[in-house]
Amino acid sequence: MNLQQSFIHPDAKIGKNVSIGPFCYIGADVVIGDHCKIESHVVIKGPCIIGTHNHFYQFGSIGEDCQDKKYAGEPTQLIIGDHNVFRESVTVHRGTVQDKGITQIGSHNLFMAYVHVAHDCTIGHHVIMSNNASVAGHCEVHDWAIIAGMVGVHQHVRIGAHSFIAGGSMVRKDIPPFIMAEGASSAAPKGLNSEGMKRRDYSSESIMAMKKAYRKFYRDGLTKDDALAELKHTLYQHEAIQQFVDFISCSERGVIR
């Protein structure tokens, strides 16, 4: 450790082979797993549990009190998995007691510079958030989703697995799995992320089924319920279709159309 001018609270628990650069602040109730690397000028506050092999670049603020005006200093949590990369000036806030009290981040995610993850969010695994992307409170971002730069995600929105959101978009409703979305004032569907499905080793049969599902849901002029009923009747044997239909069926905010 390079502990020049750094402060580590005596109650913090630091794992094996952890590198902490100069001018860092590690607060009480912080647990940092083995083999993490923390560059200079990083602030980590608790309660916060961090897994192994995470890399925090300079000027990050991890586990700070959230910006929700209802927050009154309750001991909420941030939980982070393994093998994540937090680039320069990333901010991640803890949860609120008005929700489950936990902000949770999975493993193998990349958060590029100036990304913000607000209170009570749940981020899955293998997610990429590009520069200046922000998700507001109570959001879900599912596995393998890609959020491009300058994207803003409204609170309580869910981003489905394998979806792609183009740069500069504003997301006000849920984005189903496998869908590409774009729109500066309000994101709209722009096609199927078939390239992402190929990269994740989905079969050509599954990709073809999802193309049919996309046309049925977004192009055939059916209501949401009628489109879902037809997909359940004709294509529900495909795992990707099940994921698509089930996500839409339990949406509370509604999905982009």
C-alpha atoms as a PDB file:
ATOM      1  CA  MET A   1       0.000   0.000   0.000  1.00  0.00           C
ATOM      2  CA  ASN A   2       1.071   3.568  -0.716  1.00  0.00           C
ATOM      3  CA  LEU A   3      -0.571   5.201   2.287  1.00  0.00           C
ATOM      4  CA  GLN A   4       0.987   8.658   1.947  1.00  0.00           C
ATOM      5  CA  GLN A   5      -1.673  11.109   3.194  1.00  0.00           C
ATOM      6  CA  SER A   6      -4.398   8.429   2.970  1.00  0.00           C
ATOM      7  CA  PHE A   7      -6.866   7.782   5.767  1.00  0.00           C
ATOM      8  CA  ILE A   8      -8.076   4.272   6.535  1.00  0.00           C
ATOM      9  CA  HIS A   9     -10.565   3.990   9.375  1.00  0.00           C
ATOM     10  CA  PRO A  10      -9.437   1.457  12.008  1.00  0.00           C
ATOM     11  CA  ASP A  11     -12.758  -0.383  11.650  1.00  0.00           C
ATOM     12  CA  ALA A  12     -12.336  -0.887   7.892  1.00  0.00           C
ATOM     13  CA  LYS A  13     -11.497  -4.437   6.833  1.00  0.00           C
ATOM     14  CA  ILE A  14      -8.921  -4.685   4.048  1.00  0.00           C
ATOM     15  CA  GLY A  15      -8.246  -7.991   2.302  1.00  0.00           C
ATOM     16  CA  LYS A  16      -5.001  -9.517   1.070  1.00  0.00           C
ATOM     17  CA  ASN A  17      -2.883  -7.919  -1.640  1.00  0.00           C
ATOM     18  CA  VAL A  18      -4.988  -4.737  -1.787  1.00  0.00           C
ATOM     19  CA  SER A  19      -3.278  -1.696  -3.314  1.00  0.00           C
ATOM     20  CA  ILE A  20      -4.346   1.716  -1.956  1.00  0.00           C
ATOM     21  CA  GLY A  21      -2.835   4.804  -3.549  1.00  0.00           C
ATOM     22  CA  PRO A  22      -2.141   8.191  -1.954  1.00  0.00           C
ATOM     23  CA  PHE A  23      -4.787  10.668  -0.755  1.00  0.00           C
ATOM     24  CA  CYS A  24      -7.564   8.066  -0.403  1.00  0.00           C
ATOM     25  CA  TYR A  25     -10.276   7.924   2.269  1.00  0.00           C
ATOM     26  CA  ILE A  26     -11.537   4.511   3.422  1.00  0.00           C
ATOM     27  CA  GLY A  27     -14.303   4.907   5.997  1.00  0.00           C
ATOM     28  CA  ALA A  28     -15.747   2.793   8.774  1.00  0.00           C
ATOM     29  CA  ASP A  29     -17.923  -0.210   7.904  1.00  0.00           C
ATOM     30  CA  VAL A  30     -16.047  -0.719   4.644  1.00  0.00           C
ATOM     31  CA  VAL A  31     -14.985  -4.233   3.656  1.00  0.00           C
ATOM     32  CA  ILE A  32     -12.606  -4.540   0.705  1.00  0.00           C
ATOM     33  CA  GLY A  33     -11.898  -7.991  -0.702  1.00  0.00           C
ATOM     34  CA  ASP A  34      -8.605  -9.443  -1.826  1.00  0.00           C
ATOM     35  CA  HIS A  35      -6.610  -8.178  -4.819  1.00  0.00           C
ATOM     36  CA  CYS A  36      -8.461  -4.880  -5.237  1.00  0.00           C
ATOM     37  CA  LYS A  37      -6.599  -1.871  -6.627  1.00  0.00           C
ATOM     38  CA  ILE A  38      -7.509   1.637  -5.500  1.00  0.00           C
ATOM     39  CA  GLU A  39      -5.773   4.504  -7.277  1.00  0.00           C
ATOM     40  CA  SER A  40      -5.209   7.939  -5.735  1.00  0.00           C
ATOM     41  CA  HIS A  41      -7.909  10.311  -4.430  1.00  0.00           C
ATOM     42  CA  VAL A  42     -10.642   7.664  -4.086  1.00  0.00           C
ATOM     43  CA  VAL A  43     -13.301   7.966  -1.362  1.00  0.00           C
ATOM     44  CA  ILE A  44     -15.032   4.785  -0.175  1.00  0.00           C
ATOM     45  CA  LYS A  45     -17.629   5.064   2.603  1.00  0.00           C
ATOM     46  CA  GLY A  46     -19.779   2.483   4.298  1.00  0.00           C
ATOM     47  CA  PRO A  47     -21.626   0.426   5.070  1.00  0.00           C
ATOM     48  CA  CYS A  48     -20.055  -1.005   1.941  1.00  0.00           C
ATOM     49  CA  ILE A  49     -18.951  -4.523   1.014  1.00  0.00           C
ATOM     50  CA  ILE A  50     -16.597  -4.861  -1.965  1.00  0.00           C
ATOM     51  CA  GLY A  51     -15.609  -8.206  -3.474  1.00  0.00           C
ATOM     52  CA  THR A  52     -12.308  -9.226  -5.026  1.00  0.00           C
ATOM     53  CA  HIS A  53     -10.251  -7.985  -7.987  1.00  0.00           C
ATOM     54  CA  ASN A  54     -12.030  -4.643  -8.332  1.00  0.00           C
ATOM     55  CA  HIS A  55     -10.172  -1.629  -9.748  1.00  0.00           C
ATOM     56  CA  PHE A  56     -11.112   1.911  -8.698  1.00  0.00           C
ATOM     57  CA  TYR A  57      -9.529   4.766 -10.646  1.00  0.00           C
ATOM     58  CA  GLN A  58      -8.808   8.227  -9.296  1.00  0.00           C
ATOM     59  CA  PHE A  59     -11.420  10.641  -7.924  1.00  0.00           C
ATOM     60  CA  GLY A  60     -14.148   8.014  -7.555  1.00  0.00           C
ATOM     61  CA  SER A  61     -16.765   8.370  -4.817  1.00  0.00           C
ATOM     62  CA  ILE A  62     -18.060   4.968  -3.757  1.00  0.00           C
ATOM     63  CA  GLY A  63     -20.699   4.350  -1.078  1.00  0.00           C
ATOM     64  CA  GLU A  64     -21.501   7.980  -0.333  1.00  0.00           C
ATOM     65  CA  ASP A  65     -24.820   9.127   1.171  1.00  0.00           C
ATOM     66  CA  CYS A  66     -27.443   9.294  -1.571  1.00  0.00           C
ATOM     67  CA  GLN A  67     -28.914  12.511  -2.980  1.00  0.00           C
ATOM     68  CA  ASP A  68     -32.534  11.589  -2.209  1.00  0.00           C
ATOM     69  CA  LYS A  69     -33.986  14.380  -0.043  1.00  0.00           C
ATOM     70  CA  LYS A  70     -35.785  11.771   2.084  1.00  0.00           C
ATOM     71  CA  TYR A  71     -32.473  10.277   3.173  1.00  0.00           C
ATOM     72  CA  ALA A  72     -31.862  11.041   6.852  1.00  0.00           C
ATOM     73  CA  GLY A  73     -28.553   9.318   7.558  1.00  0.00           C
ATOM     74  CA  GLU A  74     -29.820   5.752   7.934  1.00  0.00           C
ATOM     75  CA  PRO A  75     -27.122   3.020   7.707  1.00  0.00           C
ATOM     76  CA  THR A  76     -27.975   1.733   4.238  1.00  0.00           C
ATOM     77  CA  GLN A  77     -25.621  -0.424   2.163  1.00  0.00           C
ATOM     78  CA  LEU A  78     -23.655  -0.708  -1.049  1.00  0.00           C
ATOM     79  CA  ILE A  79     -22.649  -4.212  -2.151  1.00  0.00           C
ATOM     80  CA  ILE A  80     -20.199  -4.730  -5.029  1.00  0.00           C
ATOM     81  CA  GLY A  81     -19.200  -8.057  -6.583  1.00  0.00           C
ATOM     82  CA  ASP A  82     -15.913  -9.061  -8.215  1.00  0.00           C
ATOM     83  CA  HIS A  83     -13.769  -7.999 -11.196  1.00  0.00           C
ATOM     84  CA  ASN A  84     -15.424  -4.621 -11.757  1.00  0.00           C
ATOM     85  CA  VAL A  85     -13.677  -1.547 -13.190  1.00  0.00           C
ATOM     86  CA  PHE A  86     -14.673   1.928 -12.010  1.00  0.00           C
ATOM     87  CA  ARG A  87     -12.963   4.564 -14.125  1.00  0.00           C
ATOM     88  CA  GLU A  88     -12.246   8.195 -13.247  1.00  0.00           C
ATOM     89  CA  SER A  89     -14.791  10.132 -11.158  1.00  0.00           C
ATOM     90  CA  VAL A  90     -17.434   7.390 -11.001  1.00  0.00           C
ATOM     91  CA  THR A  91     -20.028   7.944  -8.257  1.00  0.00           C
ATOM     92  CA  VAL A  92     -22.058   5.144  -6.654  1.00  0.00           C
ATOM     93  CA  HIS A  93     -24.468   5.870  -3.788  1.00  0.00           C
ATOM     94  CA  ARG A  94     -25.904   3.641  -1.079  1.00  0.00           C
ATOM     95  CA  GLY A  95     -29.613   2.787  -0.814  1.00  0.00           C
ATOM     96  CA  THR A  96     -32.533   4.266   1.115  1.00  0.00           C
ATOM     97  CA  VAL A  97     -34.842   2.806   3.729  1.00  0.00           C
ATOM     98  CA  GLN A  98     -37.791   3.750   1.524  1.00  0.00           C
ATOM     99  CA  ASP A  99     -36.636   0.914  -0.769  1.00  0.00           C
ATOM    100  CA  LYS A 100     -34.684  -2.209   0.172  1.00  0.00           C
ATOM    101  CA  GLY A 101     -31.829  -0.129   1.598  1.00  0.00           C
ATOM    102  CA  ILE A 102     -29.192  -1.601  -0.715  1.00  0.00           C
ATOM    103  CA  THR A 103     -27.515  -0.512  -3.916  1.00  0.00           C
ATOM    104  CA  GLN A 104     -26.109  -3.669  -5.498  1.00  0.00           C
ATOM    105  CA  ILE A 105     -23.572  -4.144  -8.285  1.00  0.00           C
ATOM    106  CA  GLY A 106     -22.708  -7.557  -9.699  1.00  0.00           C
ATOM    107  CA  SER A 107     -19.438  -8.682 -11.273  1.00  0.00           C
ATOM    108  CA  HIS A 108     -17.375  -8.077 -14.433  1.00  0.00           C
ATOM    109  CA  ASN A 109     -18.878  -4.643 -15.097  1.00  0.00           C
ATOM    110  CA  LEU A 110     -17.190  -1.614 -16.671  1.00  0.00           C
ATOM    111  CA  PHE A 111     -18.172   1.872 -15.505  1.00  0.00           C
ATOM    112  CA  MET A 112     -16.406   4.458 -17.650  1.00  0.00           C
ATOM    113  CA  ALA A 113     -15.519   8.000 -16.573  1.00  0.00           C
ATOM    114  CA  TYR A 114     -18.139  10.104 -14.769  1.00  0.00           C
ATOM    115  CA  VAL A 115     -20.766   7.351 -14.632  1.00  0.00           C
ATOM    116  CA  HIS A 116     -23.335   7.755 -11.854  1.00  0.00           C
ATOM    117  CA  VAL A 117     -25.240   4.899 -10.200  1.00  0.00           C
ATOM    118  CA  ALA A 118     -27.884   6.285  -7.840  1.00  0.00           C
ATOM    119  CA  HIS A 119     -29.446   4.879  -4.674  1.00  0.00           C
ATOM    120  CA  ASP A 120     -31.240   1.534  -4.597  1.00  0.00           C
ATOM    121  CA  CYS A 121     -30.123   0.528  -8.097  1.00  0.00           C
ATOM    122  CA  THR A 122     -29.352  -3.052  -9.033  1.00  0.00           C
ATOM    123  CA  ILE A 123     -26.707  -3.589 -11.711  1.00  0.00           C
ATOM    124  CA  GLY A 124     -26.219  -7.130 -13.011  1.00  0.00           C
ATOM    125  CA  HIS A 125     -23.128  -8.724 -14.510  1.00  0.00           C
ATOM    126  CA  HIS A 126     -21.060  -7.847 -17.622  1.00  0.00           C
ATOM    127  CA  VAL A 127     -22.751  -4.443 -17.932  1.00  0.00           C
ATOM    128  CA  ILE A 128     -21.000  -1.575 -19.725  1.00  0.00           C
ATOM    129  CA  MET A 129     -21.873   2.030 -18.906  1.00  0.00           C
ATOM    130  CA  SER A 130     -19.991   4.536 -21.054  1.00  0.00           C
ATOM    131  CA  ASN A 131     -18.791   8.027 -20.150  1.00  0.00           C
ATOM    132  CA  ASN A 132     -21.304  10.280 -18.368  1.00  0.00           C
ATOM    133  CA  ALA A 133     -24.113   7.705 -18.394  1.00  0.00           C
ATOM    134  CA  SER A 134     -26.361   8.030 -15.337  1.00  0.00           C
ATOM    135  CA  VAL A 135     -29.051   5.829 -13.829  1.00  0.00           C
ATOM    136  CA  ALA A 136     -31.431   7.432 -11.330  1.00  0.00           C
ATOM    137  CA  GLY A 137     -32.701   5.810  -8.162  1.00  0.00           C
ATOM    138  CA  HIS A 138     -34.430   2.425  -7.965  1.00  0.00           C
ATOM    139  CA  CYS A 139     -33.340   1.308 -11.473  1.00  0.00           C
ATOM    140  CA  GLU A 140     -32.395  -2.185 -12.642  1.00  0.00           C
ATOM    141  CA  VAL A 141     -29.784  -2.869 -15.324  1.00  0.00           C
ATOM    142  CA  HIS A 142     -29.729  -6.529 -16.294  1.00  0.00           C
ATOM    143  CA  ASP A 143     -26.806  -8.669 -17.476  1.00  0.00           C
ATOM    144  CA  TRP A 144     -24.848  -7.740 -20.628  1.00  0.00           C
ATOM    145  CA  ALA A 145     -26.718  -4.466 -21.167  1.00  0.00           C
ATOM    146  CA  ILE A 146     -24.735  -1.646 -22.794  1.00  0.00           C
ATOM    147  CA  ILE A 147     -25.529   1.982 -21.967  1.00  0.00           C
ATOM    148  CA  ALA A 148     -23.655   4.393 -24.214  1.00  0.00           C
ATOM    149  CA  GLY A 149     -22.295   7.813 -23.296  1.00  0.00           C
ATOM    150  CA  MET A 150     -24.458  10.695 -22.062  1.00  0.00           C
ATOM    151  CA  VAL A 151     -27.504   8.465 -21.500  1.00  0.00           C
ATOM    152  CA  GLY A 152     -29.924   9.394 -18.735  1.00  0.00           C
ATOM    153  CA  VAL A 153     -32.162   6.718 -17.216  1.00  0.00           C
ATOM    154  CA  HIS A 154     -35.272   7.819 -15.285  1.00  0.00           C
ATOM    155  CA  GLN A 155     -35.870   6.442 -11.793  1.00  0.00           C
ATOM    156  CA  HIS A 156     -37.645   3.064 -11.446  1.00  0.00           C
ATOM    157  CA  VAL A 157     -36.754   2.069 -15.044  1.00  0.00           C
ATOM    158  CA  ARG A 158     -35.548  -1.451 -15.902  1.00  0.00           C
ATOM    159  CA  ILE A 159     -32.997  -2.088 -18.641  1.00  0.00           C
ATOM    160  CA  GLY A 160     -33.300  -5.632 -20.006  1.00  0.00           C
ATOM    161  CA  ALA A 161     -30.463  -8.084 -20.605  1.00  0.00           C
ATOM    162  CA  HIS A 162     -28.485  -7.786 -23.856  1.00  0.00           C
ATOM    163  CA  SER A 163     -30.102  -4.462 -24.695  1.00  0.00           C
ATOM    164  CA  PHE A 164     -28.236  -1.499 -26.174  1.00  0.00           C
ATOM    165  CA  ILE A 165     -28.986   2.197 -25.565  1.00  0.00           C
ATOM    166  CA  ALA A 166     -27.455   4.667 -28.030  1.00  0.00           C
ATOM    167  CA  GLY A 167     -25.516   7.697 -26.850  1.00  0.00           C
ATOM    168  CA  GLY A 168     -27.390  10.793 -25.713  1.00  0.00           C
ATOM    169  CA  SER A 169     -30.687   8.989 -25.151  1.00  0.00           C
ATOM    170  CA  MET A 170     -33.200   9.726 -22.405  1.00  0.00           C
ATOM    171  CA  VAL A 171     -34.832   6.537 -21.101  1.00  0.00           C
ATOM    172  CA  ARG A 172     -38.248   7.043 -19.490  1.00  0.00           C
ATOM    173  CA  LYS A 173     -39.722   3.527 -19.798  1.00  0.00           C
ATOM    174  CA  ASP A 174     -38.445  -0.023 -19.501  1.00  0.00           C
ATOM    175  CA  ILE A 175     -36.320  -1.396 -22.336  1.00  0.00           C
ATOM    176  CA  PRO A 176     -36.994  -5.104 -22.981  1.00  0.00           C
ATOM    177  CA  PRO A 177     -34.174  -7.627 -23.389  1.00  0.00           C
ATOM    178  CA  PHE A 178     -32.333  -7.723 -26.734  1.00  0.00           C
ATOM    179  CA  ILE A 179     -33.725  -4.357 -27.903  1.00  0.00           C
ATOM    180  CA  MET A 180     -31.721  -1.415 -29.250  1.00  0.00           C
ATOM    181  CA  ALA A 181     -33.081   1.983 -28.218  1.00  0.00           C
ATOM    182  CA  GLU A 182     -32.347   5.578 -29.131  1.00  0.00           C
ATOM    183  CA  GLY A 183     -33.940   8.986 -28.596  1.00  0.00           C
ATOM    184  CA  ALA A 184     -32.815  12.298 -27.133  1.00  0.00           C
ATOM    185  CA  SER A 185     -36.200  13.255 -25.650  1.00  0.00           C
ATOM    186  CA  SER A 186     -37.544   9.737 -25.081  1.00  0.00           C
ATOM    187  CA  ALA A 187     -35.852   6.521 -26.168  1.00  0.00           C
ATOM    188  CA  ALA A 188     -37.714   4.463 -28.784  1.00  0.00           C
ATOM    189  CA  PRO A 189     -37.051   0.979 -30.211  1.00  0.00           C
ATOM    190  CA  LYS A 190     -34.574   0.981 -33.100  1.00  0.00           C
ATOM    191  CA  GLY A 191     -34.213  -2.718 -33.850  1.00  0.00           C
ATOM    192  CA  LEU A 192     -32.978  -5.982 -32.427  1.00  0.00           C
ATOM    193  CA  ASN A 193     -29.507  -6.303 -30.923  1.00  0.00           C
ATOM    194  CA  SER A 194     -28.802  -9.342 -33.084  1.00  0.00           C
ATOM    195  CA  GLU A 195     -25.060  -8.670 -33.089  1.00  0.00           C
ATOM    196  CA  GLY A 196     -25.026  -8.764 -29.307  1.00  0.00           C
ATOM    197  CA  MET A 197     -26.966 -12.035 -29.369  1.00  0.00           C
ATOM    198  CA  LYS A 198     -24.365 -13.522 -31.743  1.00  0.00           C
ATOM    199  CA  ARG A 199     -21.557 -12.457 -29.424  1.00  0.00           C
ATOM    200  CA  ARG A 200     -23.325 -14.161 -26.530  1.00  0.00           C
ATOM    201  CA  ASP A 201     -23.596 -17.403 -28.546  1.00  0.00           C
ATOM    202  CA  TYR A 202     -27.336 -17.376 -29.111  1.00  0.00           C
ATOM    203  CA  SER A 203     -28.252 -19.821 -31.876  1.00  0.00           C
ATOM    204  CA  SER A 204     -29.381 -18.617 -35.298  1.00  0.00           C
ATOM    205  CA  GLU A 205     -32.755 -20.184 -34.496  1.00  0.00           C
ATOM    206  CA  SER A 206     -33.098 -18.066 -31.337  1.00  0.00           C
ATOM    207  CA  ILE A 207     -32.064 -14.918 -33.186  1.00  0.00           C
ATOM    208  CA  MET A 208     -34.592 -15.606 -35.936  1.00  0.00           C
ATOM    209  CA  ALA A 209     -37.305 -16.163 -33.310  1.00  0.00           C
ATOM    210  CA  MET A 210     -36.445 -12.836 -31.669  1.00  0.00           C
ATOM    211  CA  LYS A 211     -36.622 -11.073 -35.047  1.00  0.00           C
ATOM    212  CA  LYS A 212     -40.154 -12.442 -35.466  1.00  0.00           C
ATOM    213  CA  ALA A 213     -40.994 -11.357 -31.919  1.00  0.00           C
ATOM    214  CA  TYR A 214     -39.695  -7.861 -32.628  1.00  0.00           C
ATOM    215  CA  ARG A 215     -41.890  -7.543 -35.719  1.00  0.00           C
ATOM    216  CA  LYS A 216     -44.902  -8.908 -33.841  1.00  0.00           C
ATOM    217  CA  PHE A 217     -44.506  -6.576 -30.863  1.00  0.00           C
ATOM    218  CA  TYR A 218     -43.295  -3.422 -32.586  1.00  0.00           C
ATOM    219  CA  ARG A 219     -44.378  -3.534 -36.240  1.00  0.00           C
ATOM    220  CA  ASP A 220     -47.679  -5.407 -36.611  1.00  0.00           C
ATOM    221  CA  GLY A 221     -49.900  -2.810 -34.959  1.00  0.00           C
ATOM    222  CA  LEU A 222     -51.068  -5.118 -32.177  1.00  0.00           C
ATOM    223  CA  THR A 223     -51.770  -4.066 -28.628  1.00  0.00           C
ATOM    224  CA  LYS A 224     -49.221  -5.101 -26.041  1.00  0.00           C
ATOM    225  CA  ASP A 225     -51.461  -7.811 -24.614  1.00  0.00           C
ATOM    226  CA  ASP A 226     -52.422  -9.224 -28.027  1.00  0.00           C
ATOM    227  CA  ALA A 227     -48.777  -9.314 -29.146  1.00  0.00           C
ATOM    228  CA  LEU A 228     -47.686 -11.092 -25.961  1.00  0.00           C
ATOM    229  CA  ALA A 229     -50.525 -13.610 -26.293  1.00  0.00           C
ATOM    230  CA  GLU A 230     -49.449 -14.478 -29.837  1.00  0.00           C
ATOM    231  CA  LEU A 231     -45.804 -14.809 -28.821  1.00  0.00           C
ATOM    232  CA  LYS A 232     -46.742 -17.151 -25.978  1.00  0.00           C
ATOM    233  CA  HIS A 233     -48.778 -19.236 -28.408  1.00  0.00           C
ATOM    234  CA  THR A 234     -46.253 -19.420 -31.255  1.00  0.00           C
ATOM    235  CA  LEU A 235     -42.661 -18.861 -30.038  1.00  0.00           C
ATOM    236  CA  TYR A 236     -42.621 -19.315 -26.262  1.00  0.00           C
ATOM    237  CA  GLN A 237     -40.516 -22.493 -26.500  1.00  0.00           C
ATOM    238  CA  HIS A 238     -37.443 -20.306 -27.153  1.00  0.00           C
ATOM    239  CA  GLU A 239     -35.626 -19.159 -24.012  1.00  0.00           C
ATOM    240  CA  ALA A 240     -35.008 -15.691 -25.497  1.00  0.00           C
ATOM    241  CA  ILE A 241     -38.727 -15.255 -26.208  1.00  0.00           C
ATOM    242  CA  GLN A 242     -39.584 -16.317 -22.664  1.00  0.00           C
ATOM    243  CA  GLN A 243     -37.147 -13.723 -21.332  1.00  0.00           C
ATOM    244  CA  PHE A 244     -38.613 -11.045 -23.626  1.00  0.00           C
ATOM    245  CA  VAL A 245     -42.265 -11.840 -22.833  1.00  0.00           C
ATOM    246  CA  ASP A 246     -41.780 -12.271 -19.079  1.00  0.00           C
ATOM    247  CA  PHE A 247     -39.892  -8.974 -18.799  1.00  0.00           C
ATOM    248  CA  ILE A 248     -42.658  -7.060 -20.556  1.00  0.00           C
ATOM    249  CA  SER A 249     -45.424  -8.837 -18.636  1.00  0.00           C
ATOM    250  CA  CYS A 250     -44.099  -7.653 -15.261  1.00  0.00           C
ATOM    251  CA  SER A 251     -43.267  -4.089 -16.318  1.00  0.00           C
ATOM    252  CA  GLU A 252     -44.754  -1.449 -14.016  1.00  0.00           C
ATOM    253  CA  ARG A 253     -43.619   1.676 -15.883  1.00  0.00           C
ATOM    254  CA  GLY A 254     -44.476   0.259 -19.298  1.00  0.00           C
ATOM    255  CA  VAL A 255     -41.999  -0.531 -22.064  1.00  0.00           C
ATOM    256  CA  ILE A 256     -40.751   1.594 -24.936  1.00  0.00           C
ATOM    257  CA  ARG A 257     -42.921   1.249 -28.061  1.00  0.00           C
END
